[in-house]
Amino acid sequence: MRTWLLVAISAFLAILVGQAPEFAQQYAQRLGGAIAELQRIVDHFDEDSRRSGYDRQGALALMGRNAERYLQHPAREMHQPQK
């Protein structure tokens, strides 16, 4: 009985370890895609800011001073480092 249990656990671990490289590659691709999308959003914000005569910090400061909470919240969120 004990031998069969060890064989079953060993087989399970072998399958699990065998999938690790593929999992890591897919995770890295997904992370890379998310980073690229965030960069696209930042670039769009920077371009909108430049067209309005502001740099990124100036546009965020203007949004933060705006009386509309709709604009204040994103400005606060963009200033805070992400966890």
Protein backbone atom coordinates (compact mmCIF):
# COMPACT_ATOMS: atom_id res chain seq x y z
CA MET A 1 0.00 0.00 0.00
CA ARG A 2 2.74 2.43 0.93
CA THR A 3 4.60 1.79 -2.34
CA TRP A 4 1.51 2.62 -4.39
CA LEU A 5 1.01 5.83 -2.46
CA LEU A 6 4.62 6.87 -3.08
CA VAL A 7 4.27 6.04 -6.79
CA ALA A 8 1.05 8.06 -7.04
CA ILE A 9 2.57 11.05 -5.25
CA SER A 10 5.70 10.85 -7.40
CA ALA A 11 3.64 10.70 -10.60
CA PHE A 12 1.54 13.67 -9.50
CA LEU A 13 4.63 15.73 -8.66
CA ALA A 14 6.28 14.79 -11.97
CA ILE A 15 3.22 16.00 -13.89
CA LEU A 16 3.07 19.17 -11.82
CA VAL A 17 6.77 19.97 -12.28
CA GLY A 18 6.53 19.15 -15.98
CA GLN A 19 3.92 21.87 -16.43
CA ALA A 20 5.85 24.55 -14.57
CA PRO A 21 7.84 25.92 -17.57
CA GLU A 22 4.68 26.27 -19.70
CA PHE A 23 2.84 27.95 -16.84
CA ALA A 24 5.73 30.37 -16.31
CA GLN A 25 5.85 31.24 -20.02
CA GLN A 26 2.11 31.89 -20.20
CA TYR A 27 2.26 33.99 -17.04
CA ALA A 28 5.11 36.07 -18.45
CA GLN A 29 3.18 36.62 -21.70
CA ARG A 30 0.09 37.68 -19.81
CA LEU A 31 2.10 40.05 -17.64
CA GLY A 32 3.82 41.49 -20.71
CA GLY A 33 0.45 42.12 -22.34
CA ALA A 34 -0.86 43.90 -19.26
CA ILE A 35 2.25 46.09 -19.09
CA ALA A 36 1.91 46.97 -22.78
CA GLU A 37 -1.74 47.93 -22.31
CA LEU A 38 -0.95 50.11 -19.29
CA GLN A 39 1.82 51.81 -21.25
CA ARG A 40 -0.66 52.53 -24.05
CA ILE A 41 -3.02 54.18 -21.51
CA VAL A 42 -0.19 56.27 -20.01
CA ASP A 43 0.97 57.34 -23.48
CA HIS A 44 -2.58 58.38 -24.37
CA PHE A 45 -2.88 60.40 -21.14
CA ASP A 46 0.50 62.05 -21.78
CA GLU A 47 -0.51 62.95 -25.35
CA ASP A 48 -3.82 64.44 -24.17
CA SER A 49 -1.92 66.40 -21.51
CA ARG A 50 0.60 67.75 -24.04
CA ARG A 51 -2.17 68.83 -26.42
CA SER A 52 -3.72 70.76 -23.54
CA GLY A 53 -0.42 72.42 -22.66
CA TYR A 54 0.48 70.34 -19.56
CA ASP A 55 3.02 67.74 -18.66
CA ARG A 56 1.87 64.61 -16.82
CA GLN A 57 2.36 66.05 -13.33
CA GLY A 58 0.66 69.31 -14.27
CA ALA A 59 -2.36 67.51 -15.70
CA LEU A 60 -2.66 65.30 -12.62
CA ALA A 61 -2.37 68.34 -10.35
CA LEU A 62 -5.09 70.12 -12.34
CA MET A 63 -7.33 67.07 -12.08
CA GLY A 64 -6.68 66.88 -8.34
CA ARG A 65 -7.68 70.52 -7.83
CA ASN A 66 -10.86 70.18 -9.87
CA ALA A 67 -14.08 70.47 -7.88
CA GLU A 68 -15.54 67.40 -9.61
CA ARG A 69 -14.94 64.20 -7.64
CA TYR A 70 -15.08 62.34 -10.96
CA LEU A 71 -11.74 63.94 -11.87
CA GLN A 72 -10.21 64.07 -8.40
CA HIS A 73 -10.34 60.33 -7.77
CA PRO A 74 -8.31 59.22 -10.85
CA ALA A 75 -5.75 61.93 -10.13
CA ARG A 76 -5.25 60.64 -6.57
CA GLU A 77 -5.05 57.04 -7.76
CA MET A 78 -2.43 57.85 -10.42
CA HIS A 79 -0.22 59.58 -7.87
CA GLN A 80 -0.14 56.57 -5.54
CA PRO A 81 2.31 53.74 -6.26
CA GLN A 82 0.57 50.48 -7.10
CA LYS A 83 0.92 47.45 -4.86
